[in-house]
Amino acid sequence: MQTRVTVAFPFGTFGGNLIGCFLMGLIFALVSRGALGGSTTYSAFSLESVFMLQTEQYGQAVLYMLASVQWGYWLHLPGYGWSSWHSRSA
Protein backbone atom coordinates (compact mmCIF):
# COMPACT_ATOMS: atom_id res chain seq x y z
CA MET A 1 0.00 0.00 0.00
CA GLN A 2 1.41 3.37 -1.01
CA THR A 3 0.80 6.53 0.89
CA ARG A 4 0.72 9.77 -1.02
CA VAL A 5 2.68 12.55 0.63
CA THR A 6 1.81 16.11 -0.24
CA VAL A 7 4.09 19.02 0.37
CA ALA A 8 2.84 22.54 0.96
CA PHE A 9 4.36 25.24 -1.21
CA PRO A 10 7.86 25.87 0.24
CA PHE A 11 7.31 29.53 1.11
CA GLY A 12 10.35 29.63 3.41
CA THR A 13 12.81 28.63 0.71
CA PHE A 14 11.01 30.78 -1.85
CA GLY A 15 11.15 33.83 0.42
CA GLY A 16 14.77 33.21 1.36
CA ASN A 17 15.76 33.03 -2.29
CA LEU A 18 13.92 36.24 -3.12
CA ILE A 19 15.44 38.14 -0.21
CA GLY A 20 18.90 36.86 -1.13
CA CYS A 21 18.46 37.94 -4.75
CA PHE A 22 17.36 41.41 -3.70
CA LEU A 23 20.25 41.79 -1.26
CA MET A 24 22.77 40.48 -3.78
CA GLY A 25 21.68 43.12 -6.25
CA LEU A 26 21.64 45.76 -3.52
CA ILE A 27 25.12 45.14 -2.19
CA PHE A 28 26.71 43.83 -5.43
CA ALA A 29 30.33 43.61 -4.50
CA LEU A 30 32.83 40.79 -4.82
CA VAL A 31 32.69 39.94 -1.13
CA SER A 32 28.90 39.96 -1.01
CA ARG A 33 28.64 37.50 -3.90
CA GLY A 34 30.20 34.77 -1.81
CA ALA A 35 28.36 35.54 1.42
CA LEU A 36 24.90 36.11 -0.03
CA GLY A 37 25.26 33.42 -2.64
CA GLY A 38 25.72 30.94 0.19
CA SER A 39 22.73 32.24 2.12
CA THR A 40 20.27 31.71 -0.70
CA THR A 41 18.93 28.22 -0.62
CA TYR A 42 19.18 26.88 -4.14
CA SER A 43 20.20 23.44 -2.91
CA ALA A 44 16.94 23.31 -0.95
CA PHE A 45 15.16 24.76 -4.00
CA SER A 46 16.45 21.87 -6.13
CA LEU A 47 15.57 19.25 -3.54
CA GLU A 48 12.05 20.59 -3.03
CA SER A 49 11.47 20.87 -6.78
CA VAL A 50 12.54 17.28 -7.38
CA PHE A 51 10.43 16.05 -4.47
CA MET A 52 7.35 17.81 -5.86
CA LEU A 53 7.98 16.22 -9.26
CA GLN A 54 8.51 12.78 -7.73
CA THR A 55 5.24 13.07 -5.82
CA GLU A 56 3.45 14.10 -9.01
CA GLN A 57 2.75 17.65 -7.89
CA TYR A 58 3.61 18.89 -11.36
CA GLY A 59 1.66 22.14 -11.36
CA GLN A 60 3.03 23.23 -8.01
CA ALA A 61 6.57 22.25 -9.01
CA VAL A 62 6.44 24.24 -12.25
CA LEU A 63 4.90 27.23 -10.47
CA TYR A 64 7.57 27.11 -7.76
CA MET A 65 10.45 26.82 -10.22
CA LEU A 66 9.24 29.55 -12.57
CA ALA A 67 8.22 31.92 -9.79
CA SER A 68 11.55 31.49 -7.98
CA VAL A 69 13.61 32.32 -11.06
CA GLN A 70 11.35 35.12 -12.30
CA TRP A 71 10.87 36.86 -8.96
CA GLY A 72 14.55 36.43 -8.10
CA TYR A 73 15.43 38.22 -11.33
CA TRP A 74 12.90 41.01 -10.77
CA LEU A 75 14.04 41.59 -7.17
CA HIS A 76 17.69 41.61 -8.17
CA LEU A 77 17.14 44.52 -10.55
CA PRO A 78 15.94 47.17 -8.07
CA GLY A 79 18.59 46.14 -5.57
CA TYR A 80 21.32 46.46 -8.17
CA GLY A 81 19.86 49.73 -9.46
CA TRP A 82 19.73 51.23 -5.99
CA SER A 83 23.29 50.13 -5.31
CA SER A 84 24.52 51.70 -8.57
CA TRP A 85 22.62 54.94 -7.94
CA HIS A 86 23.83 55.17 -4.35
CA SER A 87 27.48 54.63 -5.31
CA ARG A 88 27.28 57.43 -7.92
CA SER A 89 25.73 59.91 -5.47
CA ALA A 90 28.24 59.24 -2.69
PDB file of N, CA and C in Angstrom:
ATOM      1  N   MET A   1       0.837  -1.161   0.000  1.00  0.00           N
ATOM      2  CA  MET A   1       0.000   0.000   0.000  1.00  0.00           C
ATOM      3  C   MET A   1       0.897   1.244   0.000  1.00  0.00           C
ATOM      4  N   GLN A   2       0.633   2.150  -0.935  1.00  0.00           N
ATOM      5  CA  GLN A   2       1.407   3.371  -1.011  1.00  0.00           C
ATOM      6  C   GLN A   2       0.645   4.510  -0.350  1.00  0.00           C
ATOM      7  N   THR A   3       1.379   5.359   0.283  1.00  0.00           N
ATOM      8  CA  THR A   3       0.799   6.535   0.892  1.00  0.00           C
ATOM      9  C   THR A   3       1.266   7.747   0.110  1.00  0.00           C
ATOM     10  N   ARG A   4       0.356   8.577  -0.265  1.00  0.00           N
ATOM     11  CA  ARG A   4       0.717   9.773  -1.017  1.00  0.00           C
ATOM     12  C   ARG A   4       1.063  10.897  -0.037  1.00  0.00           C
ATOM     13  N   VAL A   5       2.225  11.464  -0.223  1.00  0.00           N
ATOM     14  CA  VAL A   5       2.683  12.551   0.629  1.00  0.00           C
ATOM     15  C   VAL A   5       2.551  13.843  -0.156  1.00  0.00           C
ATOM     16  N   THR A   6       1.905  14.808   0.418  1.00  0.00           N
ATOM     17  CA  THR A   6       1.809  16.107  -0.237  1.00  0.00           C
ATOM     18  C   THR A   6       2.660  17.104   0.519  1.00  0.00           C
ATOM     19  N   VAL A   7       3.223  18.013  -0.217  1.00  0.00           N
ATOM     20  CA  VAL A   7       4.089  19.021   0.366  1.00  0.00           C
ATOM     21  C   VAL A   7       3.459  20.378   0.102  1.00  0.00           C
ATOM     22  N   ALA A   8       3.331  21.172   1.128  1.00  0.00           N
ATOM     23  CA  ALA A   8       2.843  22.536   0.957  1.00  0.00           C
ATOM     24  C   ALA A   8       3.879  23.326   0.174  1.00  0.00           C
ATOM     25  N   PHE A   9       3.442  24.379  -0.458  1.00  0.00           N
ATOM     26  CA  PHE A   9       4.358  25.235  -1.209  1.00  0.00           C
ATOM     27  C   PHE A   9       5.470  25.700  -0.271  1.00  0.00           C
ATOM     28  N   PRO A  10       6.736  25.538  -0.649  1.00  0.00           N
ATOM     29  CA  PRO A  10       7.856  25.873   0.245  1.00  0.00           C
ATOM     30  C   PRO A  10       8.107  27.380   0.329  1.00  0.00           C
ATOM     31  N   PHE A  11       7.217  28.073   1.016  1.00  0.00           N
ATOM     32  CA  PHE A  11       7.307  29.526   1.114  1.00  0.00           C
ATOM     33  C   PHE A  11       8.599  29.988   1.788  1.00  0.00           C
ATOM     34  N   GLY A  12       9.110  29.231   2.735  1.00  0.00           N
ATOM     35  CA  GLY A  12      10.348  29.630   3.414  1.00  0.00           C
ATOM     36  C   GLY A  12      11.537  29.689   2.461  1.00  0.00           C
ATOM     37  N   THR A  13      11.716  28.647   1.679  1.00  0.00           N
ATOM     38  CA  THR A  13      12.808  28.629   0.709  1.00  0.00           C
ATOM     39  C   THR A  13      12.587  29.691  -0.353  1.00  0.00           C
ATOM     40  N   PHE A  14      11.357  29.799  -0.831  1.00  0.00           N
ATOM     41  CA  PHE A  14      11.007  30.780  -1.854  1.00  0.00           C
ATOM     42  C   PHE A  14      11.333  32.191  -1.354  1.00  0.00           C
ATOM     43  N   GLY A  15      10.887  32.511  -0.147  1.00  0.00           N
ATOM     44  CA  GLY A  15      11.154  33.830   0.421  1.00  0.00           C
ATOM     45  C   GLY A  15      12.631  34.081   0.653  1.00  0.00           C
ATOM     46  N   GLY A  16      13.333  33.069   1.143  1.00  0.00           N
ATOM     47  CA  GLY A  16      14.773  33.207   1.361  1.00  0.00           C
ATOM     48  C   GLY A  16      15.529  33.481   0.069  1.00  0.00           C
ATOM     49  N   ASN A  17      15.131  32.797  -0.992  1.00  0.00           N
ATOM     50  CA  ASN A  17      15.761  33.031  -2.293  1.00  0.00           C
ATOM     51  C   ASN A  17      15.488  34.441  -2.795  1.00  0.00           C
ATOM     52  N   LEU A  18      14.260  34.910  -2.641  1.00  0.00           N
ATOM     53  CA  LEU A  18      13.921  36.242  -3.124  1.00  0.00           C
ATOM     54  C   LEU A  18      14.643  37.329  -2.336  1.00  0.00           C
ATOM     55  N   ILE A  19      14.715  37.170  -1.032  1.00  0.00           N
ATOM     56  CA  ILE A  19      15.437  38.143  -0.213  1.00  0.00           C
ATOM     57  C   ILE A  19      16.921  38.143  -0.574  1.00  0.00           C
ATOM     58  N   GLY A  20      17.488  36.955  -0.748  1.00  0.00           N
ATOM     59  CA  GLY A  20      18.898  36.858  -1.125  1.00  0.00           C
ATOM     60  C   GLY A  20      19.183  37.504  -2.469  1.00  0.00           C
ATOM     61  N   CYS A  21      18.285  37.313  -3.430  1.00  0.00           N
ATOM     62  CA  CYS A  21      18.464  37.940  -4.746  1.00  0.00           C
ATOM     63  C   CYS A  21      18.411  39.463  -4.642  1.00  0.00           C
ATOM     64  N   PHE A  22      17.456  39.963  -3.887  1.00  0.00           N
ATOM     65  CA  PHE A  22      17.360  41.410  -3.704  1.00  0.00           C
ATOM     66  C   PHE A  22      18.623  41.963  -3.043  1.00  0.00           C
ATOM     67  N   LEU A  23      19.064  41.310  -1.972  1.00  0.00           N
ATOM     68  CA  LEU A  23      20.252  41.793  -1.260  1.00  0.00           C
ATOM     69  C   LEU A  23      21.512  41.678  -2.119  1.00  0.00           C
ATOM     70  N   MET A  24      21.606  40.630  -2.921  1.00  0.00           N
ATOM     71  CA  MET A  24      22.774  40.479  -3.780  1.00  0.00           C
ATOM     72  C   MET A  24      22.842  41.626  -4.777  1.00  0.00           C
ATOM     73  N   GLY A  25      21.705  41.987  -5.336  1.00  0.00           N
ATOM     74  CA  GLY A  25      21.677  43.125  -6.245  1.00  0.00           C
ATOM     75  C   GLY A  25      21.963  44.426  -5.524  1.00  0.00           C
ATOM     76  N   LEU A  26      21.464  44.546  -4.307  1.00  0.00           N
ATOM     77  CA  LEU A  26      21.636  45.763  -3.518  1.00  0.00           C
ATOM     78  C   LEU A  26      23.105  45.985  -3.151  1.00  0.00           C
ATOM     79  N   ILE A  27      23.753  45.000  -2.695  1.00  0.00           N
ATOM     80  CA  ILE A  27      25.119  45.140  -2.191  1.00  0.00           C
ATOM     81  C   ILE A  27      26.154  44.966  -3.300  1.00  0.00           C
ATOM     82  N   PHE A  28      25.895  44.125  -4.252  1.00  0.00           N
ATOM     83  CA  PHE A  28      26.705  43.831  -5.434  1.00  0.00           C
ATOM     84  C   PHE A  28      28.181  44.226  -5.312  1.00  0.00           C
ATOM     85  N   ALA A  29      28.889  43.439  -4.604  1.00  0.00           N
ATOM     86  CA  ALA A  29      30.329  43.606  -4.499  1.00  0.00           C
ATOM     87  C   ALA A  29      30.935  42.206  -4.476  1.00  0.00           C
ATOM     88  N   LEU A  30      32.192  42.103  -4.745  1.00  0.00           N
ATOM     89  CA  LEU A  30      32.833  40.794  -4.818  1.00  0.00           C
ATOM     90  C   LEU A  30      32.666  39.995  -3.534  1.00  0.00           C
ATOM     91  N   VAL A  31      32.826  40.628  -2.408  1.00  0.00           N
ATOM     92  CA  VAL A  31      32.692  39.940  -1.126  1.00  0.00           C
ATOM     93  C   VAL A  31      31.260  39.469  -0.910  1.00  0.00           C
ATOM     94  N   SER A  32      30.293  40.307  -1.257  1.00  0.00           N
ATOM     95  CA  SER A  32      28.895  39.956  -1.014  1.00  0.00           C
ATOM     96  C   SER A  32      28.449  38.788  -1.883  1.00  0.00           C
ATOM     97  N   ARG A  33      29.045  38.620  -3.046  1.00  0.00           N
ATOM     98  CA  ARG A  33      28.643  37.504  -3.899  1.00  0.00           C
ATOM     99  C   ARG A  33      28.846  36.171  -3.196  1.00  0.00           C
ATOM    100  N   GLY A  34      29.957  36.017  -2.518  1.00  0.00           N
ATOM    101  CA  GLY A  34      30.200  34.767  -1.809  1.00  0.00           C
ATOM    102  C   GLY A  34      29.302  34.589  -0.599  1.00  0.00           C
ATOM    103  N   ALA A  35      29.150  35.645   0.198  1.00  0.00           N
ATOM    104  CA  ALA A  35      28.359  35.539   1.425  1.00  0.00           C
ATOM    105  C   ALA A  35      26.872  35.377   1.124  1.00  0.00           C
ATOM    106  N   LEU A  36      26.326  36.193   0.264  1.00  0.00           N
ATOM    107  CA  LEU A  36      24.898  36.109  -0.025  1.00  0.00           C
ATOM    108  C   LEU A  36      24.566  34.932  -0.927  1.00  0.00           C
ATOM    109  N   GLY A  37      25.495  34.586  -1.791  1.00  0.00           N
ATOM    110  CA  GLY A  37      25.259  33.416  -2.639  1.00  0.00           C
ATOM    111  C   GLY A  37      25.103  32.155  -1.800  1.00  0.00           C
ATOM    112  N   GLY A  38      25.829  32.095  -0.693  1.00  0.00           N
ATOM    113  CA  GLY A  38      25.720  30.939   0.190  1.00  0.00           C
ATOM    114  C   GLY A  38      24.475  30.968   1.053  1.00  0.00           C
ATOM    115  N   SER A  39      23.913  32.163   1.259  1.00  0.00           N
ATOM    116  CA  SER A  39      22.735  32.241   2.116  1.00  0.00           C
ATOM    117  C   SER A  39      21.443  31.959   1.357  1.00  0.00           C
ATOM    118  N   THR A  40      21.458  32.098   0.042  1.00  0.00           N
ATOM    119  CA  THR A  40      20.265  31.706  -0.702  1.00  0.00           C
ATOM    120  C   THR A  40      20.249  30.195  -0.766  1.00  0.00           C
ATOM    121  N   THR A  41      19.109  29.644  -0.877  1.00  0.00           N
ATOM    122  CA  THR A  41      18.932  28.218  -0.618  1.00  0.00           C
ATOM    123  C   THR A  41      18.617  27.428  -1.873  1.00  0.00           C
ATOM    124  N   TYR A  42      19.469  27.575  -2.890  1.00  0.00           N
ATOM    125  CA  TYR A  42      19.183  26.880  -4.137  1.00  0.00           C
ATOM    126  C   TYR A  42      19.381  25.370  -4.041  1.00  0.00           C
ATOM    127  N   SER A  43      20.139  24.896  -3.092  1.00  0.00           N
ATOM    128  CA  SER A  43      20.199  23.444  -2.910  1.00  0.00           C
ATOM    129  C   SER A  43      18.866  22.940  -2.371  1.00  0.00           C
ATOM    130  N   ALA A  44      18.265  23.674  -1.446  1.00  0.00           N
ATOM    131  CA  ALA A  44      16.937  23.309  -0.952  1.00  0.00           C
ATOM    132  C   ALA A  44      15.899  23.486  -2.052  1.00  0.00           C
ATOM    133  N   PHE A  45      16.055  24.525  -2.858  1.00  0.00           N
ATOM    134  CA  PHE A  45      15.164  24.760  -3.999  1.00  0.00           C
ATOM    135  C   PHE A  45      15.169  23.546  -4.924  1.00  0.00           C
ATOM    136  N   SER A  46      16.340  23.036  -5.248  1.00  0.00           N
ATOM    137  CA  SER A  46      16.446  21.870  -6.126  1.00  0.00           C
ATOM    138  C   SER A  46      15.808  20.636  -5.495  1.00  0.00           C
ATOM    139  N   LEU A  47      16.109  20.408  -4.243  1.00  0.00           N
ATOM    140  CA  LEU A  47      15.568  19.248  -3.541  1.00  0.00           C
ATOM    141  C   LEU A  47      14.044  19.299  -3.479  1.00  0.00           C
ATOM    142  N   GLU A  48      13.501  20.456  -3.125  1.00  0.00           N
ATOM    143  CA  GLU A  48      12.050  20.593  -3.033  1.00  0.00           C
ATOM    144  C   GLU A  48      11.382  20.458  -4.401  1.00  0.00           C
ATOM    145  N   SER A  49      12.018  20.986  -5.424  1.00  0.00           N
ATOM    146  CA  SER A  49      11.469  20.866  -6.781  1.00  0.00           C
ATOM    147  C   SER A  49      11.420  19.413  -7.224  1.00  0.00           C
ATOM    148  N   VAL A  50      12.502  18.695  -7.003  1.00  0.00           N
ATOM    149  CA  VAL A  50      12.544  17.280  -7.385  1.00  0.00           C
ATOM    150  C   VAL A  50      11.517  16.483  -6.586  1.00  0.00           C
ATOM    151  N   PHE A  51      11.402  16.770  -5.297  1.00  0.00           N
ATOM    152  CA  PHE A  51      10.433  16.048  -4.467  1.00  0.00           C
ATOM    153  C   PHE A  51       9.008  16.278  -4.967  1.00  0.00           C
ATOM    154  N   MET A  52       8.691  17.531  -5.332  1.00  0.00           N
ATOM    155  CA  MET A  52       7.352  17.807  -5.861  1.00  0.00           C
ATOM    156  C   MET A  52       7.112  17.041  -7.162  1.00  0.00           C
ATOM    157  N   LEU A  53       8.126  16.968  -8.007  1.00  0.00           N
ATOM    158  CA  LEU A  53       7.977  16.218  -9.260  1.00  0.00           C
ATOM    159  C   LEU A  53       7.816  14.724  -8.987  1.00  0.00           C
ATOM    160  N   GLN A  54       8.593  14.204  -8.054  1.00  0.00           N
ATOM    161  CA  GLN A  54       8.507  12.778  -7.730  1.00  0.00           C
ATOM    162  C   GLN A  54       7.162  12.412  -7.122  1.00  0.00           C
ATOM    163  N   THR A  55       6.542  13.335  -6.424  1.00  0.00           N
ATOM    164  CA  THR A  55       5.241  13.068  -5.818  1.00  0.00           C
ATOM    165  C   THR A  55       4.095  13.546  -6.718  1.00  0.00           C
ATOM    166  N   GLU A  56       4.422  13.755  -7.962  1.00  0.00           N
ATOM    167  CA  GLU A  56       3.455  14.096  -9.012  1.00  0.00           C
ATOM    168  C   GLU A  56       2.680  15.385  -8.741  1.00  0.00           C
ATOM    169  N   GLN A  57       3.326  16.321  -8.108  1.00  0.00           N
ATOM    170  CA  GLN A  57       2.747  17.649  -7.889  1.00  0.00           C
ATOM    171  C   GLN A  57       3.298  18.585  -8.974  1.00  0.00           C
ATOM    172  N   TYR A  58       2.997  18.236 -10.216  1.00  0.00           N
ATOM    173  CA  TYR A  58       3.613  18.888 -11.363  1.00  0.00           C
ATOM    174  C   TYR A  58       3.292  20.378 -11.452  1.00  0.00           C
ATOM    175  N   GLY A  59       2.039  20.733 -11.277  1.00  0.00           N
ATOM    176  CA  GLY A  59       1.662  22.141 -11.364  1.00  0.00           C
ATOM    177  C   GLY A  59       2.357  22.990 -10.319  1.00  0.00           C
ATOM    178  N   GLN A  60       2.382  22.498  -9.091  1.00  0.00           N
ATOM    179  CA  GLN A  60       3.027  23.234  -8.014  1.00  0.00           C
ATOM    180  C   GLN A  60       4.534  23.321  -8.246  1.00  0.00           C
ATOM    181  N   ALA A  61       5.129  22.247  -8.752  1.00  0.00           N
ATOM    182  CA  ALA A  61       6.570  22.250  -9.013  1.00  0.00           C
ATOM    183  C   ALA A  61       6.925  23.274 -10.084  1.00  0.00           C
ATOM    184  N   VAL A  62       6.163  23.289 -11.162  1.00  0.00           N
ATOM    185  CA  VAL A  62       6.439  24.243 -12.245  1.00  0.00           C
ATOM    186  C   VAL A  62       6.235  25.674 -11.753  1.00  0.00           C
ATOM    187  N   LEU A  63       5.154  25.903 -11.017  1.00  0.00           N
ATOM    188  CA  LEU A  63       4.900  27.232 -10.468  1.00  0.00           C
ATOM    189  C   LEU A  63       6.045  27.676  -9.561  1.00  0.00           C
ATOM    190  N   TYR A  64       6.476  26.802  -8.702  1.00  0.00           N
ATOM    191  CA  TYR A  64       7.565  27.110  -7.764  1.00  0.00           C
ATOM    192  C   TYR A  64       8.860  27.431  -8.509  1.00  0.00           C
ATOM    193  N   MET A  65       9.203  26.598  -9.494  1.00  0.00           N
ATOM    194  CA  MET A  65      10.452  26.815 -10.224  1.00  0.00           C
ATOM    195  C   MET A  65      10.410  28.115 -11.027  1.00  0.00           C
ATOM    196  N   LEU A  66       9.335  28.336 -11.760  1.00  0.00           N
ATOM    197  CA  LEU A  66       9.235  29.549 -12.574  1.00  0.00           C
ATOM    198  C   LEU A  66       9.156  30.804 -11.714  1.00  0.00           C
ATOM    199  N   ALA A  67       8.362  30.753 -10.659  1.00  0.00           N
ATOM    200  CA  ALA A  67       8.218  31.919  -9.790  1.00  0.00           C
ATOM    201  C   ALA A  67       9.536  32.249  -9.088  1.00  0.00           C
ATOM    202  N   SER A  68      10.271  31.253  -8.664  1.00  0.00           N
ATOM    203  CA  SER A  68      11.546  31.494  -7.977  1.00  0.00           C
ATOM    204  C   SER A  68      12.540  32.200  -8.887  1.00  0.00           C
ATOM    205  N   VAL A  69      12.657  31.712 -10.110  1.00  0.00           N
ATOM    206  CA  VAL A  69      13.607  32.318 -11.055  1.00  0.00           C
ATOM    207  C   VAL A  69      13.134  33.710 -11.460  1.00  0.00           C
ATOM    208  N   GLN A  70      11.873  33.834 -11.829  1.00  0.00           N
ATOM    209  CA  GLN A  70      11.351  35.121 -12.298  1.00  0.00           C
ATOM    210  C   GLN A  70      11.390  36.191 -11.213  1.00  0.00           C
ATOM    211  N   TRP A  71      10.879  35.869 -10.024  1.00  0.00           N
ATOM    212  CA  TRP A  71      10.865  36.864  -8.957  1.00  0.00           C
ATOM    213  C   TRP A  71      12.276  37.171  -8.457  1.00  0.00           C
ATOM    214  N   GLY A  72      13.152  36.173  -8.460  1.00  0.00           N
ATOM    215  CA  GLY A  72      14.546  36.434  -8.098  1.00  0.00           C
ATOM    216  C   GLY A  72      15.184  37.440  -9.035  1.00  0.00           C
ATOM    217  N   TYR A  73      14.916  37.289 -10.323  1.00  0.00           N
ATOM    218  CA  TYR A  73      15.434  38.224 -11.328  1.00  0.00           C
ATOM    219  C   TYR A  73      14.860  39.622 -11.102  1.00  0.00           C
ATOM    220  N   TRP A  74      13.541  39.704 -10.928  1.00  0.00           N
ATOM    221  CA  TRP A  74      12.904  41.007 -10.769  1.00  0.00           C
ATOM    222  C   TRP A  74      13.326  41.706  -9.478  1.00  0.00           C
ATOM    223  N   LEU A  75      13.596  40.962  -8.415  1.00  0.00           N
ATOM    224  CA  LEU A  75      14.038  41.594  -7.175  1.00  0.00           C
ATOM    225  C   LEU A  75      15.516  41.944  -7.188  1.00  0.00           C
ATOM    226  N   HIS A  76      16.276  41.274  -8.025  1.00  0.00           N
ATOM    227  CA  HIS A  76      17.688  41.606  -8.166  1.00  0.00           C
ATOM    228  C   HIS A  76      17.850  42.970  -8.831  1.00  0.00           C
ATOM    229  N   LEU A  77      17.018  43.266  -9.799  1.00  0.00           N
ATOM    230  CA  LEU A  77      17.138  44.518 -10.555  1.00  0.00           C
ATOM    231  C   LEU A  77      17.030  45.776  -9.697  1.00  0.00           C
ATOM    232  N   PRO A  78      15.990  45.930  -8.859  1.00  0.00           N
ATOM    233  CA  PRO A  78      15.944  47.169  -8.067  1.00  0.00           C
ATOM    234  C   PRO A  78      17.065  47.248  -7.037  1.00  0.00           C
ATOM    235  N   GLY A  79      17.475  46.124  -6.518  1.00  0.00           N
ATOM    236  CA  GLY A  79      18.595  46.140  -5.573  1.00  0.00           C
ATOM    237  C   GLY A  79      19.872  46.593  -6.238  1.00  0.00           C
ATOM    238  N   TYR A  80      20.126  46.076  -7.422  1.00  0.00           N
ATOM    239  CA  TYR A  80      21.323  46.464  -8.174  1.00  0.00           C
ATOM    240  C   TYR A  80      21.231  47.932  -8.594  1.00  0.00           C
ATOM    241  N   GLY A  81      20.045  48.337  -9.047  1.00  0.00           N
ATOM    242  CA  GLY A  81      19.856  49.730  -9.464  1.00  0.00           C
ATOM    243  C   GLY A  81      20.082  50.692  -8.318  1.00  0.00           C
ATOM    244  N   TRP A  82      19.544  50.368  -7.145  1.00  0.00           N
ATOM    245  CA  TRP A  82      19.729  51.234  -5.988  1.00  0.00           C
ATOM    246  C   TRP A  82      21.201  51.304  -5.608  1.00  0.00           C
ATOM    247  N   SER A  83      21.869  50.174  -5.643  1.00  0.00           N
ATOM    248  CA  SER A  83      23.286  50.133  -5.308  1.00  0.00           C
ATOM    249  C   SER A  83      24.099  50.991  -6.271  1.00  0.00           C
ATOM    250  N   SER A  84      23.809  50.904  -7.560  1.00  0.00           N
ATOM    251  CA  SER A  84      24.524  51.703  -8.568  1.00  0.00           C
ATOM    252  C   SER A  84      24.250  53.190  -8.376  1.00  0.00           C
ATOM    253  N   TRP A  85      22.988  53.544  -8.149  1.00  0.00           N
ATOM    254  CA  TRP A  85      22.618  54.937  -7.944  1.00  0.00           C
ATOM    255  C   TRP A  85      23.283  55.494  -6.691  1.00  0.00           C
ATOM    256  N   HIS A  86      23.262  54.713  -5.622  1.00  0.00           N
ATOM    257  CA  HIS A  86      23.828  55.168  -4.352  1.00  0.00           C
ATOM    258  C   HIS A  86      25.338  55.363  -4.463  1.00  0.00           C
ATOM    259  N   SER A  87      26.035  54.495  -5.186  1.00  0.00           N
ATOM    260  CA  SER A  87      27.480  54.628  -5.309  1.00  0.00           C
ATOM    261  C   SER A  87      27.863  55.840  -6.155  1.00  0.00           C
ATOM    262  N   ARG A  88      27.007  56.234  -7.102  1.00  0.00           N
ATOM    263  CA  ARG A  88      27.276  57.432  -7.920  1.00  0.00           C
ATOM    264  C   ARG A  88      27.034  58.712  -7.126  1.00  0.00           C
ATOM    265  N   SER A  89      26.074  58.691  -6.223  1.00  0.00           N
ATOM    266  CA  SER A  89      25.725  59.906  -5.473  1.00  0.00           C
ATOM    267  C   SER A  89      26.617  60.113  -4.244  1.00  0.00           C
ATOM    268  N   ALA A  90      27.404  59.122  -3.894  1.00  0.00           N
ATOM    269  CA  ALA A  90      28.239  59.236  -2.694  1.00  0.00           C
ATOM    270  C   ALA A  90      29.527  59.962  -2.968  1.00  0.00           C
TER     271      ALA A  90
END
